C-alpha atoms as a PDB file:
ATOM      1  CA  MET A   1     -17.179 -30.092  -3.979  1.00  0.00           C
ATOM      2  CA  ARG A   2     -16.173 -29.576  -0.339  1.00  0.00           C
ATOM      3  CA  THR A   3     -12.756 -31.058  -1.043  1.00  0.00           C
ATOM      4  CA  THR A   4     -12.210 -28.593  -3.911  1.00  0.00           C
ATOM      5  CA  ILE A   5     -13.144 -25.603  -1.747  1.00  0.00           C
ATOM      6  CA  LEU A   6     -11.004 -26.814   1.147  1.00  0.00           C
ATOM      7  CA  THR A   7      -8.053 -27.370  -1.194  1.00  0.00           C
ATOM      8  CA  ALA A   8      -8.455 -23.873  -2.632  1.00  0.00           C
ATOM      9  CA  VAL A   9      -8.551 -22.297   0.822  1.00  0.00           C
ATOM     10  CA  VAL A  10      -5.499 -24.215   2.040  1.00  0.00           C
ATOM     11  CA  THR A  11      -3.585 -23.345  -1.143  1.00  0.00           C
ATOM     12  CA  ALA A  12      -4.420 -19.657  -0.739  1.00  0.00           C
ATOM     13  CA  VAL A  13      -3.230 -19.661   2.868  1.00  0.00           C
ATOM     14  CA  VAL A  14       0.006 -21.441   1.969  1.00  0.00           C
ATOM     15  CA  LEU A  15       0.742 -19.196  -1.012  1.00  0.00           C
ATOM     16  CA  ALA A  16       0.098 -16.054   1.009  1.00  0.00           C
ATOM     17  CA  GLY A  17       3.278 -16.764   2.960  1.00  0.00           C
ATOM     18  CA  CYS A  18       5.475 -17.509  -0.069  1.00  0.00           C
ATOM     19  CA  SER A  19       6.967 -14.077  -0.608  1.00  0.00           C
ATOM     20  CA  THR A  20       8.803 -11.337   1.207  1.00  0.00           C
ATOM     21  CA  THR A  21       8.268  -7.706   0.261  1.00  0.00           C
ATOM     22  CA  VAL A  22      11.035  -5.126   0.201  1.00  0.00           C
ATOM     23  CA  ARG A  23       9.706  -1.573   0.286  1.00  0.00           C
ATOM     24  CA  PHE A  24      12.181   0.818  -1.340  1.00  0.00           C
ATOM     25  CA  GLU A  25      11.780   4.375  -0.023  1.00  0.00           C
ATOM     26  CA  SER A  26      13.692   7.644  -0.229  1.00  0.00           C
ATOM     27  CA  ASP A  27      13.797  10.835   1.810  1.00  0.00           C
ATOM     28  CA  VAL A  28      12.699  12.772  -1.296  1.00  0.00           C
ATOM     29  CA  GLU A  29      10.202  10.485  -2.993  1.00  0.00           C
ATOM     30  CA  GLY A  30      10.082  10.094  -6.744  1.00  0.00           C
ATOM     31  CA  ALA A  31      13.404   8.358  -7.384  1.00  0.00           C
ATOM     32  CA  VAL A  32      13.391   5.594  -9.992  1.00  0.00           C
ATOM     33  CA  VAL A  33      14.673   2.359  -8.458  1.00  0.00           C
ATOM     34  CA  THR A  34      16.592  -0.022 -10.753  1.00  0.00           C
ATOM     35  CA  THR A  35      18.768  -3.004  -9.959  1.00  0.00           C
ATOM     36  CA  VAL A  36      22.455  -2.975 -10.789  1.00  0.00           C
ATOM     37  CA  ALA A  37      21.466  -5.414 -13.571  1.00  0.00           C
ATOM     38  CA  GLY A  38      19.124  -2.783 -15.057  1.00  0.00           C
ATOM     39  CA  GLN A  39      15.701  -4.124 -13.981  1.00  0.00           C
ATOM     40  CA  LYS A  40      13.345  -1.253 -13.126  1.00  0.00           C
ATOM     41  CA  TYR A  41      11.357  -1.735  -9.909  1.00  0.00           C
ATOM     42  CA  GLY A  42       9.418   1.542  -9.986  1.00  0.00           C
ATOM     43  CA  VAL A  43       9.311   4.973  -8.377  1.00  0.00           C
ATOM     44  CA  THR A  44       9.808   5.425  -4.634  1.00  0.00           C
ATOM     45  CA  PRO A  45       8.003   4.424  -2.556  1.00  0.00           C
ATOM     46  CA  VAL A  46       7.724   1.053  -4.305  1.00  0.00           C
ATOM     47  CA  ALA A  47       7.084  -2.409  -2.854  1.00  0.00           C
ATOM     48  CA  VAL A  48       8.783  -5.341  -4.583  1.00  0.00           C
ATOM     49  CA  PRO A  49       7.894  -8.967  -3.759  1.00  0.00           C
ATOM     50  CA  PHE A  50      10.678 -11.569  -3.626  1.00  0.00           C
ATOM     51  CA  SER A  51      10.047 -15.307  -3.584  1.00  0.00           C
ATOM     52  CA  ASN A  52      10.962 -16.878  -0.248  1.00  0.00           C
ATOM     53  CA  ASP A  53      12.441 -19.806  -2.172  1.00  0.00           C
ATOM     54  CA  ASP A  54      14.825 -17.438  -4.000  1.00  0.00           C
ATOM     55  CA  LEU A  55      15.730 -15.678  -0.758  1.00  0.00           C
ATOM     56  CA  ASP A  56      16.357 -18.996   0.994  1.00  0.00           C
ATOM     57  CA  ALA A  57      18.617 -20.072  -1.883  1.00  0.00           C
ATOM     58  CA  SER A  58      20.679 -16.885  -1.431  1.00  0.00           C
ATOM     59  CA  ARG A  59      21.190 -17.353   2.331  1.00  0.00           C
ATOM     60  CA  GLN A  60      24.751 -17.871   3.466  1.00  0.00           C
ATOM     61  CA  ALA A  61      26.288 -19.203   6.681  1.00  0.00           C
ATOM     62  CA  ASP A  62      25.224 -16.064   8.575  1.00  0.00           C
ATOM     63  CA  GLY A  63      21.564 -16.873   7.785  1.00  0.00           C
ATOM     64  CA  CYS A  64      21.046 -13.641   5.854  1.00  0.00           C
ATOM     65  CA  ALA A  65      19.449 -13.509   2.390  1.00  0.00           C
ATOM     66  CA  ARG A  66      20.867 -11.401  -0.415  1.00  0.00           C
ATOM     67  CA  ILE A  67      19.211  -9.463  -3.234  1.00  0.00           C
ATOM     68  CA  LEU A  68      20.746  -7.415  -6.033  1.00  0.00           C
ATOM     69  CA  GLY A  69      21.834  -3.901  -5.158  1.00  0.00           C
ATOM     70  CA  VAL A  70      19.804  -0.970  -6.461  1.00  0.00           C
ATOM     71  CA  ILE A  71      20.388   2.487  -7.889  1.00  0.00           C
ATOM     72  CA  TYR A  72      18.059   5.393  -7.076  1.00  0.00           C
ATOM     73  CA  THR A  73      17.825   8.086  -9.762  1.00  0.00           C
ATOM     74  CA  TRP A  74      15.857  11.319  -9.170  1.00  0.00           C
ATOM     75  CA  PRO A  75      14.414  13.486 -11.988  1.00  0.00           C
ATOM     76  CA  SER A  76      17.228  16.000 -11.464  1.00  0.00           C
ATOM     77  CA  GLY A  77      19.754  13.307 -12.346  1.00  0.00           C
ATOM     78  CA  ALA A  78      20.946  12.819  -8.767  1.00  0.00           C
ATOM     79  CA  THR A  79      21.845   9.173  -8.137  1.00  0.00           C
ATOM     80  CA  VAL A  80      22.846   7.012  -5.221  1.00  0.00           C
ATOM     81  CA  ALA A  81      23.696   3.308  -5.179  1.00  0.00           C
ATOM     82  CA  SER A  82      23.157   0.735  -2.463  1.00  0.00           C
ATOM     83  CA  PRO A  83      25.705  -1.890  -1.511  1.00  0.00           C
ATOM     84  CA  ASN A  84      25.631  -4.891  -3.819  1.00  0.00           C
ATOM     85  CA  PRO A  85      24.202  -7.242  -2.649  1.00  0.00           C
ATOM     86  CA  ILE A  86      21.627  -5.902  -0.197  1.00  0.00           C
ATOM     87  CA  VAL A  87      21.659  -8.137   2.887  1.00  0.00           C
ATOM     88  CA  ILE A  88      18.354  -9.094   4.555  1.00  0.00           C
ATOM     89  CA  CYS A  89      18.882 -10.684   7.963  1.00  0.00           C
ATOM     90  CA  SER A  90      15.388 -11.034   9.423  1.00  0.00           C
ATOM     91  CA  ASN A  91      12.462 -13.304   8.674  1.00  0.00           C
ATOM     92  CA  ALA A  92       9.908 -10.465   8.572  1.00  0.00           C
ATOM     93  CA  SER A  93       7.527 -10.493   5.628  1.00  0.00           C
ATOM     94  CA  VAL A  94       8.123  -6.780   4.869  1.00  0.00           C
ATOM     95  CA  HIS A  95      11.466  -4.969   4.885  1.00  0.00           C
ATOM     96  CA  ARG A  96      12.076  -1.249   4.416  1.00  0.00           C
ATOM     97  CA  TYR A  97      15.114  -0.052   2.508  1.00  0.00           C
ATOM     98  CA  VAL A  98      15.536   3.738   2.669  1.00  0.00           C
ATOM     99  CA  MET A  99      18.120   5.774   0.764  1.00  0.00           C
ATOM    100  CA  LYS A 100      18.773   9.511   1.034  1.00  0.00           C
ATOM    101  CA  ARG A 101      19.201  11.855  -1.888  1.00  0.00           C
ATOM    102  CA  PRO A 102      22.781  13.156  -2.008  1.00  0.00           C
ATOM    103  CA  ALA A 103      22.873  16.551  -0.296  1.00  0.00           C
ATOM    104  CA  ASP A 104      25.443  17.932  -2.717  1.00  0.00           C
ATOM    105  CA  ALA A 105      23.494  16.961  -5.873  1.00  0.00           C
ATOM    106  CA  PRO A 106      22.169  19.934  -7.889  1.00  0.00           C
ATOM    107  CA  ASP A 107      18.506  20.774  -8.647  1.00  0.00           C
ATOM    108  CA  LEU A 108      17.003  19.795  -5.301  1.00  0.00           C
ATOM    109  CA  GLU A 109      14.067  22.112  -6.102  1.00  0.00           C
ATOM    110  CA  LYS A 110      13.216  20.031  -9.185  1.00  0.00           C
ATOM    111  CA  ASP A 111      13.115  16.841  -7.118  1.00  0.00           C
ATOM    112  CA  LEU A 112      11.041  18.488  -4.384  1.00  0.00           C
ATOM    113  CA  GLN A 113       8.511  19.739  -6.961  1.00  0.00           C
ATOM    114  CA  ASN A 114       8.276  16.221  -8.389  1.00  0.00           C
ATOM    115  CA  ALA A 115       7.755  14.785  -4.896  1.00  0.00           C
ATOM    116  CA  LEU A 116       5.001  17.338  -4.260  1.00  0.00           C
ATOM    117  CA  GLN A 117       3.212  16.383  -7.496  1.00  0.00           C
ATOM    118  CA  LEU A 118       3.433  12.684  -6.608  1.00  0.00           C
ATOM    119  CA  SER A 119       2.041  13.422  -3.163  1.00  0.00           C
ATOM    120  CA  LYS A 120      -0.870  15.412  -4.619  1.00  0.00           C
ATOM    121  CA  ARG A 121      -1.688  12.599  -7.075  1.00  0.00           C
ATOM    122  CA  ARG A 122      -1.597  10.015  -4.287  1.00  0.00           C
ATOM    123  CA  GLU A 123      -3.851  12.206  -2.125  1.00  0.00           C
ATOM    124  CA  ALA A 124      -6.374  12.616  -4.959  1.00  0.00           C
ATOM    125  CA  GLN A 125      -6.350   8.863  -5.565  1.00  0.00           C
ATOM    126  CA  LEU A 126      -6.898   8.128  -1.869  1.00  0.00           C
ATOM    127  CA  ARG A 127      -9.762  10.643  -1.719  1.00  0.00           C
ATOM    128  CA  ALA A 128     -11.400   8.997  -4.745  1.00  0.00           C
ATOM    129  CA  GLU A 129     -11.008   5.537  -3.180  1.00  0.00           C
ATOM    130  CA  LEU A 130     -12.443   6.792   0.101  1.00  0.00           C
ATOM    131  CA  GLU A 131     -15.444   8.322  -1.667  1.00  0.00           C
ATOM    132  CA  ALA A 132     -16.037   5.125  -3.669  1.00  0.00           C
ATOM    133  CA  GLU A 133     -15.876   3.086  -0.462  1.00  0.00           C
ATOM    134  CA  ARG A 134     -18.263   5.478   1.279  1.00  0.00           C
ATOM    135  CA  LEU A 135     -20.756   5.231  -1.599  1.00  0.00           C
ATOM    136  CA  TYR A 136     -20.454   1.449  -1.664  1.00  0.00           C
ATOM    137  CA  ASN A 137     -21.012   1.166   2.078  1.00  0.00           C
ATOM    138  CA  ASP A 138     -23.941   3.570   1.998  1.00  0.00           C
ATOM    139  CA  ARG A 139     -25.601   1.688  -0.828  1.00  0.00           C
ATOM    140  CA  PHE A 140     -24.812  -1.968  -0.218  1.00  0.00           C
ATOM    141  CA  PHE A 141     -23.561  -2.505   3.294  1.00  0.00           C
ATOM    142  CA  TRP A 142     -26.056  -0.443   5.226  1.00  0.00           C
ATOM    143  CA  GLY A 143     -28.864  -0.784   2.713  1.00  0.00           C
ATOM    144  CA  PRO A 144     -32.469   0.197   3.258  1.00  0.00           C
ATOM    145  CA  PHE A 145     -32.707  -1.748   6.507  1.00  0.00           C
ATOM    146  CA  MET A 146     -30.037   0.338   8.191  1.00  0.00           C
ATOM    147  CA  TRP A 147     -31.201   3.834   7.260  1.00  0.00           C
ATOM    148  CA  GLY A 148     -31.936   4.658  10.844  1.00  0.00           C
ATOM    149  CA  PRO A 149     -34.950   4.291  13.094  1.00  0.00           C
ATOM    150  CA  PRO A 150     -38.337   4.065  11.425  1.00  0.00           C
ATOM    151  CA  MET A 151     -40.280   7.245  10.996  1.00  0.00           C
ATOM    152  CA  ARG A 152     -42.650   7.749  13.890  1.00  0.00           C
ATOM    153  CA  MET A 153     -46.137   8.931  13.197  1.00  0.00           C
ATOM    154  CA  PRO A 154     -47.228  11.913  15.225  1.00  0.00           C
ATOM    155  CA  PRO A 155     -49.674  11.042  17.955  1.00  0.00           C
ATOM    156  CA  PRO A 156     -53.325  11.438  17.010  1.00  0.00           C
ATOM    157  CA  PRO A 157     -54.955  14.702  18.039  1.00  0.00           C
ATOM    158  CA  PRO A 158     -56.909  14.610  21.303  1.00  0.00           C
ATOM    159  CA  PRO A 159     -60.642  13.905  20.944  1.00  0.00           C
ATOM    160  CA  ARG A 160     -62.936  16.916  20.567  1.00  0.00           C
ATOM    161  CA  PRO A 161     -64.754  17.908  23.670  1.00  0.00           C
ATOM    162  CA  ARG A 162     -68.446  16.968  23.711  1.00  0.00           C
ATOM    163  CA  PRO A 163     -70.897  19.779  23.865  1.00  0.00           C
ATOM    164  CA  HIS A 164     -72.872  20.076  27.111  1.00  0.00           C
ATOM    165  CA  ARG A 165     -76.606  19.504  26.892  1.00  0.00           C
END
């Protein structure tokens, strides 16, 4: 039994370091990110994991890994493409790749409204998660033993004076 648990823990630790994440971002969030091959990654900001084995296989003499280039497309139809391939030259586990919406593309207002809606949805989701965490911590983590100091009883009243005889 101990061997099984130890094996599971070691496997989890080893597998945790088996991928590199590329976080695709844009100055006006809400752009759909697709590869030049047509694979959709998601809407900015989006984090995409890449296998370290695949990245190592794509490394060239300069030591840099390569991934497929991407195309950002905003709701207004504005698009911008990255170089193909995208070159990753560090061994960090998370990389940021930021692209800017073309300044001369029409309907900036449409893209800004979309970004505002995404931001509001993300804020509402974070508030809900925070409230759920607060309720969980109040109920389970602190529990009845951590509700504060015990109630103190008021001191007893002083004894009545004795009548004089």
